[in-house]
Each structure stands twice: as C-alpha cells, then as structure tokens.
Amino acid sequence: MNGSLGKLSRCAIYTRKSTEHNLDLAFSSLDAQREACEAYVKSQTQEGWRLLPDCYDDGGLSGGLAGAAGPAGAAGGWPNADC
C-alpha cells in the first residue's frame, strides 16, 4: 500500500453513452467501459484503491437532456441494480 500513508480510496465507476443506440446488445460500450475501469482499479489495490459495489450507468440519459445530472447524479445515489 501507498508507503507510510496507508490511505484507502473508495472508487466509484460512472459509465456514459450519449445515446441509447445499441444499449440492448448483450455487451455494450457501457460494459466495456466498466470492465476497463474495474481492471484499472484492481491494478491499484496496492495503493489502497477499493471499488464500490454500486454501478452508475448513464445509458443515453444525460446526453439528450440540457442540465441533466451526469456524474453529479452518481454522487447523489444513482446506482444501477443490474450491475
């Protein structure tokens, strides 16, 4: 772990796709983004990074709405139960 600091960092993953196009596929770009981020967080476990279990997926929601929550929605409790 991070030398003498021993700091634990909780990590949330927010995935986003600007449209709903192809979200119905068995493996979408949201899934690919999540896998890449999970692998990166896992590579940083020696630095104290820990992945939070909740999913924050924005599948075309905020891309079409002016003033939509975006990542701020994740901070406000916007988990996807299908993760």
N, C-alpha and C. Protein backbone atom coordinates (compact mmCIF):
# COMPACT_ATOMS: atom_id res chain seq x y z
N MET A 1 0.85 -1.17 0.00
CA MET A 1 0.00 0.00 0.00
C MET A 1 0.88 1.22 0.00
N ASN A 2 0.47 2.27 -0.38
CA ASN A 2 0.98 3.62 -0.51
C ASN A 2 1.99 4.04 0.57
N GLY A 3 3.04 3.28 0.77
CA GLY A 3 4.08 3.63 1.71
C GLY A 3 3.56 3.77 3.13
N SER A 4 3.94 4.84 3.81
CA SER A 4 3.54 5.03 5.20
C SER A 4 2.15 5.64 5.35
N LEU A 5 1.58 6.16 4.28
CA LEU A 5 0.28 6.82 4.38
C LEU A 5 -0.85 5.84 4.68
N GLY A 6 -0.89 4.72 3.97
CA GLY A 6 -1.93 3.72 4.18
C GLY A 6 -3.33 4.23 3.92
N LYS A 7 -3.49 5.18 3.01
CA LYS A 7 -4.79 5.77 2.72
C LYS A 7 -5.63 4.85 1.86
N LEU A 8 -6.87 4.66 2.25
CA LEU A 8 -7.83 3.86 1.49
C LEU A 8 -8.65 4.81 0.61
N SER A 9 -8.74 4.50 -0.66
CA SER A 9 -9.54 5.30 -1.60
C SER A 9 -10.68 4.46 -2.13
N ARG A 10 -11.90 4.89 -1.86
CA ARG A 10 -13.07 4.21 -2.39
C ARG A 10 -13.35 4.74 -3.78
N CYS A 11 -13.54 3.85 -4.75
CA CYS A 11 -13.68 4.24 -6.15
C CYS A 11 -15.05 3.84 -6.69
N ALA A 12 -15.72 4.79 -7.31
CA ALA A 12 -16.98 4.54 -8.00
C ALA A 12 -16.71 4.65 -9.49
N ILE A 13 -17.40 3.86 -10.27
CA ILE A 13 -17.26 3.90 -11.72
C ILE A 13 -18.56 4.45 -12.31
N TYR A 14 -18.41 5.50 -13.10
CA TYR A 14 -19.53 6.11 -13.81
C TYR A 14 -19.30 5.87 -15.29
N THR A 15 -20.21 5.15 -15.94
CA THR A 15 -20.11 4.91 -17.38
C THR A 15 -21.18 5.73 -18.08
N ARG A 16 -20.84 6.15 -19.30
CA ARG A 16 -21.78 7.01 -20.03
C ARG A 16 -21.75 6.72 -21.52
N LYS A 17 -22.92 6.73 -22.09
CA LYS A 17 -23.08 6.65 -23.54
C LYS A 17 -24.09 7.72 -23.90
N SER A 18 -23.78 8.54 -24.90
CA SER A 18 -24.60 9.72 -25.17
C SER A 18 -25.95 9.40 -25.81
N THR A 19 -26.10 8.21 -26.37
CA THR A 19 -27.39 7.82 -26.95
C THR A 19 -27.76 6.42 -26.48
N GLU A 20 -28.99 6.04 -26.73
CA GLU A 20 -29.44 4.70 -26.36
C GLU A 20 -29.12 3.66 -27.45
N HIS A 21 -28.56 4.11 -28.56
CA HIS A 21 -28.26 3.23 -29.68
C HIS A 21 -27.35 2.07 -29.24
N ASN A 22 -27.76 0.85 -29.52
CA ASN A 22 -27.03 -0.40 -29.22
C ASN A 22 -26.92 -0.74 -27.74
N LEU A 23 -27.67 -0.08 -26.88
CA LEU A 23 -27.64 -0.44 -25.47
C LEU A 23 -28.30 -1.79 -25.20
N ASP A 24 -29.10 -2.26 -26.15
CA ASP A 24 -29.79 -3.52 -25.98
C ASP A 24 -28.91 -4.73 -26.31
N LEU A 25 -27.69 -4.50 -26.77
CA LEU A 25 -26.77 -5.59 -27.08
C LEU A 25 -26.36 -6.30 -25.79
N ALA A 26 -25.98 -7.57 -25.91
CA ALA A 26 -25.55 -8.33 -24.73
C ALA A 26 -24.32 -7.70 -24.09
N PHE A 27 -23.46 -7.07 -24.89
CA PHE A 27 -22.27 -6.39 -24.38
C PHE A 27 -22.20 -5.02 -25.04
N SER A 28 -22.46 -3.98 -24.27
CA SER A 28 -22.49 -2.62 -24.83
C SER A 28 -21.21 -1.87 -24.46
N SER A 29 -21.12 -0.64 -24.94
CA SER A 29 -19.94 0.17 -24.61
C SER A 29 -19.92 0.50 -23.11
N LEU A 30 -21.08 0.52 -22.46
CA LEU A 30 -21.10 0.73 -21.01
C LEU A 30 -20.39 -0.44 -20.31
N ASP A 31 -20.64 -1.65 -20.80
CA ASP A 31 -19.97 -2.83 -20.23
C ASP A 31 -18.47 -2.77 -20.45
N ALA A 32 -18.06 -2.35 -21.65
CA ALA A 32 -16.64 -2.25 -21.97
C ALA A 32 -15.97 -1.19 -21.09
N GLN A 33 -16.64 -0.06 -20.90
CA GLN A 33 -16.09 0.98 -20.03
C GLN A 33 -15.93 0.47 -18.60
N ARG A 34 -16.96 -0.22 -18.12
CA ARG A 34 -16.93 -0.75 -16.75
C ARG A 34 -15.78 -1.74 -16.59
N GLU A 35 -15.63 -2.66 -17.53
CA GLU A 35 -14.56 -3.66 -17.45
C GLU A 35 -13.19 -3.00 -17.41
N ALA A 36 -12.99 -1.99 -18.26
CA ALA A 36 -11.69 -1.30 -18.30
C ALA A 36 -11.42 -0.59 -16.97
N CYS A 37 -12.44 0.07 -16.44
CA CYS A 37 -12.27 0.78 -15.17
C CYS A 37 -12.05 -0.18 -14.01
N GLU A 38 -12.79 -1.29 -13.99
CA GLU A 38 -12.59 -2.28 -12.93
C GLU A 38 -11.17 -2.83 -12.96
N ALA A 39 -10.65 -3.09 -14.15
CA ALA A 39 -9.29 -3.61 -14.27
C ALA A 39 -8.29 -2.58 -13.75
N TYR A 40 -8.52 -1.31 -14.06
CA TYR A 40 -7.59 -0.27 -13.60
C TYR A 40 -7.62 -0.14 -12.08
N VAL A 41 -8.82 -0.13 -11.50
CA VAL A 41 -8.93 -0.04 -10.05
C VAL A 41 -8.25 -1.24 -9.40
N LYS A 42 -8.46 -2.42 -9.97
CA LYS A 42 -7.82 -3.62 -9.44
C LYS A 42 -6.30 -3.49 -9.50
N SER A 43 -5.78 -2.87 -10.55
CA SER A 43 -4.32 -2.71 -10.68
C SER A 43 -3.77 -1.74 -9.63
N GLN A 44 -4.64 -0.99 -8.98
CA GLN A 44 -4.22 0.00 -7.99
C GLN A 44 -4.51 -0.43 -6.55
N THR A 45 -4.86 -1.69 -6.34
CA THR A 45 -5.19 -2.14 -4.99
C THR A 45 -4.03 -1.97 -4.02
N GLN A 46 -2.80 -2.10 -4.51
CA GLN A 46 -1.64 -1.91 -3.63
C GLN A 46 -1.52 -0.46 -3.16
N GLU A 47 -2.20 0.45 -3.85
CA GLU A 47 -2.22 1.86 -3.46
C GLU A 47 -3.42 2.17 -2.57
N GLY A 48 -4.20 1.17 -2.24
CA GLY A 48 -5.35 1.36 -1.35
C GLY A 48 -6.67 1.61 -2.04
N TRP A 49 -6.71 1.44 -3.36
CA TRP A 49 -7.96 1.67 -4.09
C TRP A 49 -8.91 0.50 -3.86
N ARG A 50 -10.18 0.80 -3.61
CA ARG A 50 -11.22 -0.22 -3.43
C ARG A 50 -12.44 0.19 -4.24
N LEU A 51 -12.96 -0.75 -5.02
CA LEU A 51 -14.11 -0.48 -5.88
C LEU A 51 -15.40 -0.60 -5.08
N LEU A 52 -16.24 0.41 -5.18
CA LEU A 52 -17.56 0.36 -4.56
C LEU A 52 -18.45 -0.57 -5.38
N PRO A 53 -19.37 -1.28 -4.76
CA PRO A 53 -20.18 -2.27 -5.48
C PRO A 53 -21.26 -1.69 -6.38
N ASP A 54 -21.69 -0.45 -6.15
CA ASP A 54 -22.77 0.13 -6.94
C ASP A 54 -22.31 0.48 -8.35
N CYS A 55 -23.26 0.43 -9.29
CA CYS A 55 -23.00 0.81 -10.68
C CYS A 55 -23.68 2.14 -10.96
N TYR A 56 -22.98 2.98 -11.69
CA TYR A 56 -23.53 4.26 -12.11
C TYR A 56 -23.43 4.32 -13.63
N ASP A 57 -24.48 3.87 -14.29
CA ASP A 57 -24.51 3.79 -15.74
C ASP A 57 -25.48 4.81 -16.30
N ASP A 58 -25.01 5.62 -17.23
CA ASP A 58 -25.83 6.62 -17.89
C ASP A 58 -25.96 6.20 -19.35
N GLY A 59 -26.99 5.45 -19.66
CA GLY A 59 -27.20 4.94 -21.00
C GLY A 59 -28.07 5.86 -21.84
N GLY A 60 -27.52 7.00 -22.24
CA GLY A 60 -28.25 7.92 -23.09
C GLY A 60 -29.17 8.85 -22.34
N LEU A 61 -29.10 8.84 -21.02
CA LEU A 61 -30.00 9.70 -20.24
C LEU A 61 -29.55 11.15 -20.25
N SER A 62 -28.33 11.41 -19.79
CA SER A 62 -27.93 12.80 -19.67
C SER A 62 -27.48 13.42 -20.99
N GLY A 63 -27.16 12.60 -21.98
CA GLY A 63 -26.69 13.13 -23.25
C GLY A 63 -27.74 13.92 -24.00
N GLY A 64 -29.00 13.60 -23.80
CA GLY A 64 -30.05 14.29 -24.53
C GLY A 64 -30.79 15.33 -23.72
N LEU A 65 -30.34 15.57 -22.51
CA LEU A 65 -31.06 16.50 -21.64
C LEU A 65 -30.16 17.66 -21.22
N ALA A 66 -30.57 18.84 -21.52
CA ALA A 66 -29.81 20.01 -21.06
C ALA A 66 -29.96 20.10 -19.55
N GLY A 67 -28.85 20.29 -18.86
CA GLY A 67 -28.89 20.42 -17.41
C GLY A 67 -29.08 19.11 -16.68
N ALA A 68 -28.85 17.98 -17.35
CA ALA A 68 -29.01 16.68 -16.70
C ALA A 68 -27.93 16.48 -15.64
N ALA A 69 -28.16 15.55 -14.76
CA ALA A 69 -27.29 15.34 -13.61
C ALA A 69 -25.88 14.89 -13.98
N GLY A 70 -25.74 14.02 -14.98
CA GLY A 70 -24.42 13.50 -15.34
C GLY A 70 -23.76 12.85 -14.15
N PRO A 71 -22.43 12.97 -14.02
CA PRO A 71 -21.74 12.33 -12.90
C PRO A 71 -22.21 12.82 -11.54
N ALA A 72 -22.75 14.02 -11.46
CA ALA A 72 -23.27 14.50 -10.18
C ALA A 72 -24.41 13.61 -9.70
N GLY A 73 -25.14 13.01 -10.64
CA GLY A 73 -26.19 12.08 -10.26
C GLY A 73 -25.63 10.88 -9.56
N ALA A 74 -24.45 10.44 -9.95
CA ALA A 74 -23.81 9.30 -9.30
C ALA A 74 -23.52 9.63 -7.85
N ALA A 75 -23.06 10.81 -7.59
CA ALA A 75 -22.74 11.21 -6.22
C ALA A 75 -24.01 11.27 -5.38
N GLY A 76 -25.14 11.51 -6.05
CA GLY A 76 -26.40 11.63 -5.33
C GLY A 76 -27.13 10.31 -5.16
N GLY A 77 -26.52 9.21 -5.50
CA GLY A 77 -27.17 7.92 -5.32
C GLY A 77 -27.95 7.49 -6.53
N TRP A 78 -27.25 7.17 -7.60
CA TRP A 78 -27.86 6.84 -8.88
C TRP A 78 -27.44 5.46 -9.34
N PRO A 79 -27.42 4.47 -8.43
CA PRO A 79 -26.92 3.15 -8.80
C PRO A 79 -27.85 2.40 -9.73
N ASN A 80 -27.25 1.54 -10.54
CA ASN A 80 -27.98 0.67 -11.44
C ASN A 80 -28.01 -0.71 -10.82
N ALA A 81 -29.18 -1.22 -10.53
CA ALA A 81 -29.30 -2.50 -9.85
C ALA A 81 -28.86 -3.68 -10.71
N ASP A 82 -28.69 -3.49 -12.01
CA ASP A 82 -28.33 -4.58 -12.89
C ASP A 82 -26.83 -4.83 -13.00
N CYS A 83 -26.05 -4.17 -12.22
CA CYS A 83 -24.60 -4.28 -12.30
C CYS A 83 -24.13 -5.65 -11.88
